[in-house]
Amino acid sequence: MNNESISILKNAIQQKRIKNQQLVALQEKEVEFLEKEVEFSKLLEKAKLNNDDCMRSYLSGNISDQEMQEAKAHLKELANSFEEVRENIKFITQTRIGLNREIGTLDGEVTVYRSLLCGELAKEVYEEMAANRKLNEKLLVGYSAFHQSGDCDRSWVRFLTMAFNSPSENDLQAAKDKLKKDHELLRD
């Protein structure tokens, strides 16, 4: 894998971490504003009831014009605050959707470049095995014998699956862990 691809992969991984941190912070803000929305909703409902009571009292002559104006101003202030909180929630939701899209795009980019890296690592192993003449000779002699054995399926794949046991889950997990340890770009 060339240095440019490795650089792109490292950058994508770093950007994904940053975007995930931003998403967590945004979700915390969203919860905070949702709680404010509930609080303002309750306060607004109480203020509306209080405003209705003030209007009745005002019409009955029990409160002054100034008290009535103060009740209306309080109601309007709460309504404005409530609307501001709702606008913030709408903006946060749009931002969260955008961040999730960006994270999804970065996930795809990371997956593609990791796949390329794994393909190149596997190719290196194949080439190393192919360069091992003794191993090649033994495989060819073994395959020749297998091919002449009369087995109905005499394919190369069948020979290899008979010659080599499939790795156990523990062996496979240990190999994956070693691969991640040796190649930091495969972690995460």
C-alpha atoms as a PDB file:
ATOM      1  CA  MET A   1       0.000   0.000   0.000  1.00  0.00           C
ATOM      2  CA  ASN A   2       1.561   3.271  -1.006  1.00  0.00           C
ATOM      3  CA  ASN A   3       2.236   6.092   1.422  1.00  0.00           C
ATOM      4  CA  GLU A   4      -0.573   8.214  -0.002  1.00  0.00           C
ATOM      5  CA  SER A   5      -3.136   5.476   0.690  1.00  0.00           C
ATOM      6  CA  ILE A   6      -1.774   4.991   4.206  1.00  0.00           C
ATOM      7  CA  SER A   7      -1.969   8.741   4.760  1.00  0.00           C
ATOM      8  CA  ILE A   8      -5.576   8.798   3.513  1.00  0.00           C
ATOM      9  CA  LEU A   9      -6.461   5.896   5.815  1.00  0.00           C
ATOM     10  CA  LYS A  10      -4.832   7.537   8.843  1.00  0.00           C
ATOM     11  CA  ASN A  11      -6.602  10.805   8.072  1.00  0.00           C
ATOM     12  CA  ALA A  12      -9.974   9.063   7.653  1.00  0.00           C
ATOM     13  CA  ILE A  13      -9.542   7.228  10.970  1.00  0.00           C
ATOM     14  CA  GLN A  14      -8.623  10.481  12.736  1.00  0.00           C
ATOM     15  CA  GLN A  15     -11.521  12.364  11.133  1.00  0.00           C
ATOM     16  CA  LYS A  16     -13.908   9.584  12.155  1.00  0.00           C
ATOM     17  CA  ARG A  17     -12.724   9.819  15.771  1.00  0.00           C
ATOM     18  CA  ILE A  18     -13.219  13.595  15.719  1.00  0.00           C
ATOM     19  CA  LYS A  19     -16.691  13.289  14.165  1.00  0.00           C
ATOM     20  CA  ASN A  20     -17.684  10.657  16.743  1.00  0.00           C
ATOM     21  CA  GLN A  21     -16.556  12.969  19.566  1.00  0.00           C
ATOM     22  CA  GLN A  22     -18.545  15.805  18.000  1.00  0.00           C
ATOM     23  CA  LEU A  23     -21.570  13.534  17.727  1.00  0.00           C
ATOM     24  CA  VAL A  24     -21.376  12.599  21.415  1.00  0.00           C
ATOM     25  CA  ALA A  25     -21.121  16.276  22.412  1.00  0.00           C
ATOM     26  CA  LEU A  26     -24.014  17.135  20.110  1.00  0.00           C
ATOM     27  CA  GLN A  27     -26.167  14.362  21.575  1.00  0.00           C
ATOM     28  CA  GLU A  28     -25.475  15.696  25.069  1.00  0.00           C
ATOM     29  CA  LYS A  29     -26.592  19.167  23.922  1.00  0.00           C
ATOM     30  CA  GLU A  30     -29.666  17.643  22.315  1.00  0.00           C
ATOM     31  CA  VAL A  31     -30.670  15.994  25.595  1.00  0.00           C
ATOM     32  CA  GLU A  32     -30.103  19.294  27.396  1.00  0.00           C
ATOM     33  CA  PHE A  33     -32.336  21.183  24.951  1.00  0.00           C
ATOM     34  CA  LEU A  34     -35.022  18.482  25.022  1.00  0.00           C
ATOM     35  CA  GLU A  35     -35.140  18.826  28.797  1.00  0.00           C
ATOM     36  CA  LYS A  36     -35.424  22.615  28.389  1.00  0.00           C
ATOM     37  CA  GLU A  37     -38.233  22.120  25.878  1.00  0.00           C
ATOM     38  CA  VAL A  38     -40.207  20.048  28.386  1.00  0.00           C
ATOM     39  CA  GLU A  39     -39.535  22.602  31.124  1.00  0.00           C
ATOM     40  CA  PHE A  40     -40.563  25.574  28.958  1.00  0.00           C
ATOM     41  CA  SER A  41     -43.641  23.705  27.757  1.00  0.00           C
ATOM     42  CA  LYS A  42     -44.821  23.274  31.342  1.00  0.00           C
ATOM     43  CA  LEU A  43     -43.972  26.880  32.230  1.00  0.00           C
ATOM     44  CA  LEU A  44     -45.747  28.151  29.128  1.00  0.00           C
ATOM     45  CA  GLU A  45     -48.867  26.167  29.967  1.00  0.00           C
ATOM     46  CA  LYS A  46     -48.882  27.617  33.493  1.00  0.00           C
ATOM     47  CA  ALA A  47     -48.268  31.123  32.133  1.00  0.00           C
ATOM     48  CA  LYS A  48     -51.216  30.770  29.737  1.00  0.00           C
ATOM     49  CA  LEU A  49     -53.478  29.759  32.611  1.00  0.00           C
ATOM     50  CA  ASN A  50     -52.112  32.627  34.705  1.00  0.00           C
ATOM     51  CA  ASN A  51     -52.655  35.028  31.804  1.00  0.00           C
ATOM     52  CA  ASP A  52     -56.282  33.872  31.495  1.00  0.00           C
ATOM     53  CA  ASP A  53     -56.763  34.431  35.234  1.00  0.00           C
ATOM     54  CA  CYS A  54     -55.166  37.888  34.962  1.00  0.00           C
ATOM     55  CA  MET A  55     -57.472  38.779  32.070  1.00  0.00           C
ATOM     56  CA  ARG A  56     -60.516  37.813  34.124  1.00  0.00           C
ATOM     57  CA  SER A  57     -59.205  39.801  37.075  1.00  0.00           C
ATOM     58  CA  TYR A  58     -58.414  42.742  34.827  1.00  0.00           C
ATOM     59  CA  LEU A  59     -61.894  42.714  33.315  1.00  0.00           C
ATOM     60  CA  SER A  60     -63.335  42.509  36.833  1.00  0.00           C
ATOM     61  CA  GLY A  61     -61.217  45.468  37.847  1.00  0.00           C
ATOM     62  CA  ASN A  62     -59.174  43.514  40.409  1.00  0.00           C
ATOM     63  CA  ILE A  63     -55.749  44.207  38.813  1.00  0.00           C
ATOM     64  CA  SER A  64     -54.223  47.245  37.117  1.00  0.00           C
ATOM     65  CA  ASP A  65     -53.236  47.765  33.486  1.00  0.00           C
ATOM     66  CA  GLN A  66     -49.586  47.450  34.486  1.00  0.00           C
ATOM     67  CA  GLU A  67     -50.127  44.031  36.102  1.00  0.00           C
ATOM     68  CA  MET A  68     -51.983  42.855  33.003  1.00  0.00           C
ATOM     69  CA  GLN A  69     -49.167  44.081  30.728  1.00  0.00           C
ATOM     70  CA  GLU A  70     -46.581  42.327  32.923  1.00  0.00           C
ATOM     71  CA  ALA A  71     -48.505  39.043  32.648  1.00  0.00           C
ATOM     72  CA  LYS A  72     -48.667  39.399  28.847  1.00  0.00           C
ATOM     73  CA  ALA A  73     -44.954  40.276  28.658  1.00  0.00           C
ATOM     74  CA  HIS A  74     -44.061  37.236  30.775  1.00  0.00           C
ATOM     75  CA  LEU A  75     -46.172  34.988  28.540  1.00  0.00           C
ATOM     76  CA  LYS A  76     -44.567  36.435  25.392  1.00  0.00           C
ATOM     77  CA  GLU A  77     -41.063  36.025  26.874  1.00  0.00           C
ATOM     78  CA  LEU A  78     -41.739  32.369  27.694  1.00  0.00           C
ATOM     79  CA  ALA A  79     -43.215  31.761  24.235  1.00  0.00           C
ATOM     80  CA  ASN A  80     -40.118  33.302  22.611  1.00  0.00           C
ATOM     81  CA  SER A  81     -37.789  31.227  24.792  1.00  0.00           C
ATOM     82  CA  PHE A  82     -39.775  28.091  23.995  1.00  0.00           C
ATOM     83  CA  GLU A  83     -39.583  28.825  20.264  1.00  0.00           C
ATOM     84  CA  GLU A  84     -35.840  29.488  20.508  1.00  0.00           C
ATOM     85  CA  VAL A  85     -35.314  26.123  22.216  1.00  0.00           C
ATOM     86  CA  ARG A  86     -37.334  24.392  19.477  1.00  0.00           C
ATOM     87  CA  GLU A  87     -35.257  26.085  16.771  1.00  0.00           C
ATOM     88  CA  ASN A  88     -32.083  24.938  18.527  1.00  0.00           C
ATOM     89  CA  ILE A  89     -33.409  21.364  18.667  1.00  0.00           C
ATOM     90  CA  LYS A  90     -34.231  21.514  14.949  1.00  0.00           C
ATOM     91  CA  PHE A  91     -30.723  22.798  14.176  1.00  0.00           C
ATOM     92  CA  ILE A  92     -29.137  20.128  16.391  1.00  0.00           C
ATOM     93  CA  THR A  93     -31.170  17.418  14.645  1.00  0.00           C
ATOM     94  CA  GLN A  94     -30.061  18.625  11.207  1.00  0.00           C
ATOM     95  CA  THR A  95     -26.454  18.801  12.388  1.00  0.00           C
ATOM     96  CA  ARG A  96     -26.667  15.289  13.874  1.00  0.00           C
ATOM     97  CA  ILE A  97     -28.018  13.908  10.599  1.00  0.00           C
ATOM     98  CA  GLY A  98     -25.154  15.574   8.722  1.00  0.00           C
ATOM     99  CA  LEU A  99     -22.574  14.231  11.166  1.00  0.00           C
ATOM    100  CA  ASN A 100     -24.002  10.717  10.870  1.00  0.00           C
ATOM    101  CA  ARG A 101     -23.710  10.964   7.074  1.00  0.00           C
ATOM    102  CA  GLU A 102     -20.101  12.138   7.346  1.00  0.00           C
ATOM    103  CA  ILE A 103     -19.295   9.312   9.767  1.00  0.00           C
ATOM    104  CA  GLY A 104     -20.901   6.811   7.384  1.00  0.00           C
ATOM    105  CA  THR A 105     -18.816   8.142   4.502  1.00  0.00           C
ATOM    106  CA  LEU A 106     -15.657   7.932   6.609  1.00  0.00           C
ATOM    107  CA  ASP A 107     -16.598   4.376   7.668  1.00  0.00           C
ATOM    108  CA  GLY A 108     -16.795   3.417   4.003  1.00  0.00           C
ATOM    109  CA  GLU A 109     -13.469   5.072   3.243  1.00  0.00           C
ATOM    110  CA  VAL A 110     -11.787   3.351   6.190  1.00  0.00           C
ATOM    111  CA  THR A 111     -13.261   0.002   5.136  1.00  0.00           C
ATOM    112  CA  VAL A 112     -12.022   0.358   1.558  1.00  0.00           C
ATOM    113  CA  TYR A 113      -8.482   1.321   2.533  1.00  0.00           C
ATOM    114  CA  ARG A 114      -8.296  -1.327   5.262  1.00  0.00           C
ATOM    115  CA  SER A 115      -9.443  -3.883   2.712  1.00  0.00           C
ATOM    116  CA  LEU A 116      -6.663  -2.771   0.370  1.00  0.00           C
ATOM    117  CA  LEU A 117      -4.135  -2.986   3.202  1.00  0.00           C
ATOM    118  CA  CYS A 118      -5.286  -6.499   4.152  1.00  0.00           C
ATOM    119  CA  GLY A 119      -5.149  -7.562   0.505  1.00  0.00           C
ATOM    120  CA  GLU A 120      -1.584  -6.331   0.230  1.00  0.00           C
ATOM    121  CA  LEU A 121      -0.594  -8.030   3.479  1.00  0.00           C
ATOM    122  CA  ALA A 122      -2.102 -11.300   2.244  1.00  0.00           C
ATOM    123  CA  LYS A 123      -0.290 -10.866  -1.090  1.00  0.00           C
ATOM    124  CA  GLU A 124       3.023 -10.478   0.767  1.00  0.00           C
ATOM    125  CA  VAL A 125       2.374 -13.766   2.580  1.00  0.00           C
ATOM    126  CA  TYR A 126       1.413 -15.497  -0.690  1.00  0.00           C
ATOM    127  CA  GLU A 127       4.581 -14.224  -2.351  1.00  0.00           C
ATOM    128  CA  GLU A 128       6.697 -15.351   0.597  1.00  0.00           C
ATOM    129  CA  MET A 129       5.127 -18.798   0.451  1.00  0.00           C
ATOM    130  CA  ALA A 130       5.563 -18.943  -3.337  1.00  0.00           C
ATOM    131  CA  ALA A 131       9.240 -18.022  -2.960  1.00  0.00           C
ATOM    132  CA  ASN A 132       9.759 -20.967  -0.611  1.00  0.00           C
ATOM    133  CA  ARG A 133      10.932 -23.652  -3.089  1.00  0.00           C
ATOM    134  CA  LYS A 134      10.813 -26.512  -0.595  1.00  0.00           C
ATOM    135  CA  LEU A 135       7.226 -25.711   0.313  1.00  0.00           C
ATOM    136  CA  ASN A 136       6.279 -25.467  -3.364  1.00  0.00           C
ATOM    137  CA  GLU A 137       7.956 -28.769  -4.211  1.00  0.00           C
ATOM    138  CA  LYS A 138       6.238 -30.550  -1.327  1.00  0.00           C
ATOM    139  CA  LEU A 139       2.868 -29.105  -2.309  1.00  0.00           C
ATOM    140  CA  LEU A 140       3.336 -30.105  -5.944  1.00  0.00           C
ATOM    141  CA  VAL A 141       4.431 -33.654  -5.075  1.00  0.00           C
ATOM    142  CA  GLY A 142       1.547 -33.978  -2.634  1.00  0.00           C
ATOM    143  CA  TYR A 143      -0.938 -32.626  -5.163  1.00  0.00           C
ATOM    144  CA  SER A 144       0.369 -34.977  -7.859  1.00  0.00           C
ATOM    145  CA  ALA A 145      -0.158 -37.937  -5.549  1.00  0.00           C
ATOM    146  CA  PHE A 146      -3.608 -36.643  -4.573  1.00  0.00           C
ATOM    147  CA  HIS A 147      -4.503 -36.039  -8.216  1.00  0.00           C
ATOM    148  CA  GLN A 148      -3.716 -39.640  -9.112  1.00  0.00           C
ATOM    149  CA  SER A 149      -5.483 -41.066  -6.070  1.00  0.00           C
ATOM    150  CA  GLY A 150      -8.774 -41.607  -7.856  1.00  0.00           C
ATOM    151  CA  ASP A 151     -10.690 -39.235  -5.568  1.00  0.00           C
ATOM    152  CA  CYS A 152     -13.709 -37.877  -7.460  1.00  0.00           C
ATOM    153  CA  ASP A 153     -12.883 -34.274  -6.476  1.00  0.00           C
ATOM    154  CA  ARG A 154      -9.228 -33.797  -7.345  1.00  0.00           C
ATOM    155  CA  SER A 155      -9.174 -29.998  -7.282  1.00  0.00           C
ATOM    156  CA  TRP A 156      -6.346 -27.928  -5.834  1.00  0.00           C
ATOM    157  CA  VAL A 157      -8.729 -26.417  -3.263  1.00  0.00           C
ATOM    158  CA  ARG A 158      -9.823 -29.854  -2.079  1.00  0.00           C
ATOM    159  CA  PHE A 159      -6.175 -30.925  -1.764  1.00  0.00           C
ATOM    160  CA  LEU A 160      -5.337 -27.839   0.310  1.00  0.00           C
ATOM    161  CA  THR A 161      -8.341 -28.270   2.587  1.00  0.00           C
ATOM    162  CA  MET A 162      -7.367 -31.884   3.189  1.00  0.00           C
ATOM    163  CA  ALA A 163      -3.700 -30.990   3.731  1.00  0.00           C
ATOM    164  CA  PHE A 164      -4.290 -28.119   6.133  1.00  0.00           C
ATOM    165  CA  ASN A 165      -6.783 -28.085   8.963  1.00  0.00           C
ATOM    166  CA  SER A 166      -8.981 -25.031   9.249  1.00  0.00           C
ATOM    167  CA  PRO A 167      -7.782 -22.766  12.046  1.00  0.00           C
ATOM    168  CA  SER A 168      -9.720 -22.897  15.298  1.00  0.00           C
ATOM    169  CA  GLU A 169     -11.579 -19.810  16.518  1.00  0.00           C
ATOM    170  CA  ASN A 170      -8.881 -19.268  19.165  1.00  0.00           C
ATOM    171  CA  ASP A 171      -6.074 -19.532  16.587  1.00  0.00           C
ATOM    172  CA  LEU A 172      -7.902 -17.194  14.238  1.00  0.00           C
ATOM    173  CA  GLN A 173      -8.562 -14.659  17.010  1.00  0.00           C
ATOM    174  CA  ALA A 174      -4.904 -14.784  18.079  1.00  0.00           C
ATOM    175  CA  ALA A 175      -3.847 -14.180  14.466  1.00  0.00           C
ATOM    176  CA  LYS A 176      -6.273 -11.243  14.169  1.00  0.00           C
ATOM    177  CA  ASP A 177      -4.943  -9.763  17.412  1.00  0.00           C
ATOM    178  CA  LYS A 178      -1.352 -10.115  16.180  1.00  0.00           C
ATOM    179  CA  LEU A 179      -2.272  -8.520  12.857  1.00  0.00           C
ATOM    180  CA  LYS A 180      -3.887  -5.557  14.638  1.00  0.00           C
ATOM    181  CA  LYS A 181      -0.909  -5.272  16.983  1.00  0.00           C
ATOM    182  CA  ASP A 182       1.545  -5.267  14.078  1.00  0.00           C
ATOM    183  CA  HIS A 183      -0.518  -2.872  11.938  1.00  0.00           C
ATOM    184  CA  GLU A 184      -1.984   0.082  13.818  1.00  0.00           C
ATOM    185  CA  LEU A 185      -4.234   0.996  10.878  1.00  0.00           C
ATOM    186  CA  LEU A 186      -6.263  -2.183  11.387  1.00  0.00           C
ATOM    187  CA  ARG A 187      -7.166  -1.313  14.982  1.00  0.00           C
ATOM    188  CA  ASP A 188     -10.366   0.402  16.063  1.00  0.00           C
END
